[in-house]
Amino acid sequence: MSAPVFATVDDLQAMWRPLMPTEKTRAEKLLPWVSAGIAKLAGLPDGSDGNKDIYCMVTCLVTRRMLEADDDTSAVSQMQQTVGPFSGSVTYANPSGAIYLTKQEQKLLGIGKRQVASIWPYPPAVKDGE
């Protein structure tokens, strides 16, 4: 059974901007991959827990970051220039175009929470007469 696709190219364009034909082709490939990753992380093999709008939004945000990694300027997180004697520095937010979730996206999906638990290693004492 294949994982559901949480967002379409139309969803991505509605939340971001119209895509160029090459971007559309790439988005059509990326959306199922991102959806499968989210379904796996959220423990939802069928995605049927009723949060389809949240999954759609997060899928679009992750896919957008991946598409921006191909753009020369929109994926830049920091740029530095010096005029004399010439210098330049650019830091890309997602240089490899990797799939990752921000802390906010993890909160929206309800994943990545830290939990603490303990177990008593000894069985409870048996009372007389029981």
C-alpha atoms as a PDB file:
ATOM      1  CA  MET A   1       0.000   0.000   0.000  1.00  0.00           C
ATOM      2  CA  SER A   2       1.465   3.370  -0.975  1.00  0.00           C
ATOM      3  CA  ALA A   3       1.389   6.402   1.292  1.00  0.00           C
ATOM      4  CA  PRO A   4      -1.156   9.113   0.517  1.00  0.00           C
ATOM      5  CA  VAL A   5      -0.085  12.307  -1.214  1.00  0.00           C
ATOM      6  CA  PHE A   6      -1.059  15.132   1.140  1.00  0.00           C
ATOM      7  CA  ALA A   7      -0.725  18.014  -1.352  1.00  0.00           C
ATOM      8  CA  THR A   8      -1.015  18.675  -5.064  1.00  0.00           C
ATOM      9  CA  VAL A   9       0.857  21.058  -7.328  1.00  0.00           C
ATOM     10  CA  ASP A  10      -2.249  23.284  -7.209  1.00  0.00           C
ATOM     11  CA  ASP A  11      -2.049  23.355  -3.390  1.00  0.00           C
ATOM     12  CA  LEU A  12       1.625  24.318  -3.582  1.00  0.00           C
ATOM     13  CA  GLN A  13       0.939  27.096  -6.081  1.00  0.00           C
ATOM     14  CA  ALA A  14      -1.974  28.402  -3.985  1.00  0.00           C
ATOM     15  CA  MET A  15       0.207  28.775  -0.878  1.00  0.00           C
ATOM     16  CA  TRP A  16       3.322  30.028  -2.652  1.00  0.00           C
ATOM     17  CA  ARG A  17       3.328  31.252  -6.263  1.00  0.00           C
ATOM     18  CA  PRO A  18       2.725  30.018  -9.813  1.00  0.00           C
ATOM     19  CA  LEU A  19       5.407  27.499 -10.759  1.00  0.00           C
ATOM     20  CA  MET A  20       7.477  27.421 -13.903  1.00  0.00           C
ATOM     21  CA  PRO A  21       7.026  24.262 -16.037  1.00  0.00           C
ATOM     22  CA  THR A  22      10.307  22.729 -14.807  1.00  0.00           C
ATOM     23  CA  GLU A  23       9.326  23.475 -11.195  1.00  0.00           C
ATOM     24  CA  LYS A  24       5.944  21.829 -11.734  1.00  0.00           C
ATOM     25  CA  THR A  25       7.625  18.691 -13.032  1.00  0.00           C
ATOM     26  CA  ARG A  26       9.956  18.592 -10.047  1.00  0.00           C
ATOM     27  CA  ALA A  27       7.113  19.330  -7.595  1.00  0.00           C
ATOM     28  CA  GLU A  28       5.094  16.426  -9.026  1.00  0.00           C
ATOM     29  CA  LYS A  29       8.011  14.137  -8.071  1.00  0.00           C
ATOM     30  CA  LEU A  30       8.726  15.756  -4.694  1.00  0.00           C
ATOM     31  CA  LEU A  31       5.179  15.940  -3.289  1.00  0.00           C
ATOM     32  CA  PRO A  32       4.721  12.144  -2.992  1.00  0.00           C
ATOM     33  CA  TRP A  33       8.180  11.771  -1.438  1.00  0.00           C
ATOM     34  CA  VAL A  34       7.572  14.524   1.107  1.00  0.00           C
ATOM     35  CA  SER A  35       4.121  13.082   1.876  1.00  0.00           C
ATOM     36  CA  ALA A  36       5.607   9.635   2.439  1.00  0.00           C
ATOM     37  CA  GLY A  37       8.237  11.107   4.765  1.00  0.00           C
ATOM     38  CA  ILE A  38       5.618  12.972   6.785  1.00  0.00           C
ATOM     39  CA  ALA A  39       3.377   9.901   6.998  1.00  0.00           C
ATOM     40  CA  LYS A  40       6.330   7.842   8.236  1.00  0.00           C
ATOM     41  CA  LEU A  41       7.439  10.430  10.806  1.00  0.00           C
ATOM     42  CA  ALA A  42       3.903  10.956  12.072  1.00  0.00           C
ATOM     43  CA  GLY A  43       3.271   7.204  12.217  1.00  0.00           C
ATOM     44  CA  LEU A  44       0.404   7.442   9.740  1.00  0.00           C
ATOM     45  CA  PRO A  45       0.604   4.747   7.089  1.00  0.00           C
ATOM     46  CA  ASP A  46      -2.733   5.855   5.642  1.00  0.00           C
ATOM     47  CA  GLY A  47      -2.876   9.486   6.851  1.00  0.00           C
ATOM     48  CA  SER A  48      -6.411   9.007   8.097  1.00  0.00           C
ATOM     49  CA  ASP A  49      -6.312  10.854  11.393  1.00  0.00           C
ATOM     50  CA  GLY A  50      -8.310  13.886  10.229  1.00  0.00           C
ATOM     51  CA  ASN A  51      -5.482  16.437   9.958  1.00  0.00           C
ATOM     52  CA  LYS A  52      -5.349  16.547   6.168  1.00  0.00           C
ATOM     53  CA  ASP A  53      -5.131  20.372   6.052  1.00  0.00           C
ATOM     54  CA  ILE A  54      -2.129  20.348   8.412  1.00  0.00           C
ATOM     55  CA  TYR A  55      -0.436  17.615   6.344  1.00  0.00           C
ATOM     56  CA  CYS A  56      -1.138  19.555   3.148  1.00  0.00           C
ATOM     57  CA  MET A  57       0.333  22.754   4.583  1.00  0.00           C
ATOM     58  CA  VAL A  58       3.487  21.098   5.960  1.00  0.00           C
ATOM     59  CA  THR A  59       3.975  19.116   2.731  1.00  0.00           C
ATOM     60  CA  CYS A  60       3.794  22.369   0.749  1.00  0.00           C
ATOM     61  CA  LEU A  61       6.238  24.146   3.085  1.00  0.00           C
ATOM     62  CA  VAL A  62       8.815  21.337   2.896  1.00  0.00           C
ATOM     63  CA  THR A  63       8.440  21.029  -0.888  1.00  0.00           C
ATOM     64  CA  ARG A  64       8.822  24.794  -1.262  1.00  0.00           C
ATOM     65  CA  ARG A  65      12.128  24.694   0.648  1.00  0.00           C
ATOM     66  CA  MET A  66      13.349  21.930  -1.624  1.00  0.00           C
ATOM     67  CA  LEU A  67      12.378  23.856  -4.748  1.00  0.00           C
ATOM     68  CA  GLU A  68      13.980  27.039  -3.414  1.00  0.00           C
ATOM     69  CA  ALA A  69      17.284  25.169  -3.067  1.00  0.00           C
ATOM     70  CA  ASP A  70      17.469  25.261  -6.889  1.00  0.00           C
ATOM     71  CA  ASP A  71      16.990  29.040  -6.981  1.00  0.00           C
ATOM     72  CA  ASP A  72      20.117  31.178  -6.712  1.00  0.00           C
ATOM     73  CA  THR A  73      18.700  33.819  -4.346  1.00  0.00           C
ATOM     74  CA  SER A  74      15.531  32.788  -2.527  1.00  0.00           C
ATOM     75  CA  ALA A  75      17.234  30.059  -0.496  1.00  0.00           C
ATOM     76  CA  VAL A  76      19.925  32.392   0.830  1.00  0.00           C
ATOM     77  CA  SER A  77      19.811  32.775   4.606  1.00  0.00           C
ATOM     78  CA  GLN A  78      22.756  35.170   4.891  1.00  0.00           C
ATOM     79  CA  MET A  79      24.701  37.360   2.477  1.00  0.00           C
ATOM     80  CA  GLN A  80      27.756  39.495   3.201  1.00  0.00           C
ATOM     81  CA  GLN A  81      29.594  41.860   0.890  1.00  0.00           C
ATOM     82  CA  THR A  82      32.650  44.031   1.334  1.00  0.00           C
ATOM     83  CA  VAL A  83      33.690  46.592  -1.249  1.00  0.00           C
ATOM     84  CA  GLY A  84      37.396  47.046  -0.716  1.00  0.00           C
ATOM     85  CA  PRO A  85      39.440  44.989  -1.254  1.00  0.00           C
ATOM     86  CA  PHE A  86      36.518  42.933  -2.557  1.00  0.00           C
ATOM     87  CA  SER A  87      34.876  40.136  -0.628  1.00  0.00           C
ATOM     88  CA  GLY A  88      31.667  38.178  -0.684  1.00  0.00           C
ATOM     89  CA  SER A  89      29.936  35.484   1.275  1.00  0.00           C
ATOM     90  CA  VAL A  90      26.646  33.657   0.828  1.00  0.00           C
ATOM     91  CA  THR A  91      25.094  31.077   3.154  1.00  0.00           C
ATOM     92  CA  TYR A  92      22.289  28.922   1.807  1.00  0.00           C
ATOM     93  CA  ALA A  93      19.444  27.808   4.067  1.00  0.00           C
ATOM     94  CA  ASN A  94      19.112  24.367   2.473  1.00  0.00           C
ATOM     95  CA  PRO A  95      22.028  23.908   0.076  1.00  0.00           C
ATOM     96  CA  SER A  96      21.390  20.236  -0.610  1.00  0.00           C
ATOM     97  CA  GLY A  97      17.603  20.522  -0.955  1.00  0.00           C
ATOM     98  CA  ALA A  98      17.102  18.022   1.870  1.00  0.00           C
ATOM     99  CA  ILE A  99      13.739  17.086   3.352  1.00  0.00           C
ATOM    100  CA  TYR A 100      13.560  18.401   6.908  1.00  0.00           C
ATOM    101  CA  LEU A 101      10.896  19.619   9.301  1.00  0.00           C
ATOM    102  CA  THR A 102      11.191  22.796  11.339  1.00  0.00           C
ATOM    103  CA  LYS A 103      10.274  22.760  15.034  1.00  0.00           C
ATOM    104  CA  GLN A 104       7.013  24.534  14.197  1.00  0.00           C
ATOM    105  CA  GLU A 105       6.140  21.926  11.564  1.00  0.00           C
ATOM    106  CA  GLN A 106       6.902  19.136  14.028  1.00  0.00           C
ATOM    107  CA  LYS A 107       4.564  20.800  16.540  1.00  0.00           C
ATOM    108  CA  LEU A 108       1.828  21.043  13.923  1.00  0.00           C
ATOM    109  CA  LEU A 109       2.210  17.337  13.153  1.00  0.00           C
ATOM    110  CA  GLY A 110       2.428  16.381  16.814  1.00  0.00           C
ATOM    111  CA  ILE A 111       5.782  14.663  16.421  1.00  0.00           C
ATOM    112  CA  GLY A 112       9.226  15.133  17.881  1.00  0.00           C
ATOM    113  CA  LYS A 113       7.947  15.513  21.434  1.00  0.00           C
ATOM    114  CA  ARG A 114      10.270  14.406  24.156  1.00  0.00           C
ATOM    115  CA  GLN A 115       8.789  12.059  26.675  1.00  0.00           C
ATOM    116  CA  VAL A 116       9.998  10.878  30.037  1.00  0.00           C
ATOM    117  CA  ALA A 117       8.835   7.654  31.643  1.00  0.00           C
ATOM    118  CA  SER A 118       9.956   5.265  34.316  1.00  0.00           C
ATOM    119  CA  ILE A 119       9.257   1.658  35.210  1.00  0.00           C
ATOM    120  CA  TRP A 120       9.545   0.023  38.585  1.00  0.00           C
ATOM    121  CA  PRO A 121      12.006  -2.859  38.094  1.00  0.00           C
ATOM    122  CA  TYR A 122      10.641  -5.024  40.904  1.00  0.00           C
ATOM    123  CA  PRO A 123       7.249  -6.740  41.030  1.00  0.00           C
ATOM    124  CA  PRO A 124       4.871  -5.474  43.707  1.00  0.00           C
ATOM    125  CA  ALA A 125       5.160  -7.246  47.038  1.00  0.00           C
ATOM    126  CA  VAL A 126       2.615 -10.004  47.605  1.00  0.00           C
ATOM    127  CA  LYS A 127       0.458  -9.401  50.678  1.00  0.00           C
ATOM    128  CA  ASP A 128      -0.294 -12.281  53.035  1.00  0.00           C
ATOM    129  CA  GLY A 129      -3.511 -14.077  52.193  1.00  0.00           C
ATOM    130  CA  GLU A 130      -3.705 -12.993  48.560  1.00  0.00           C
END
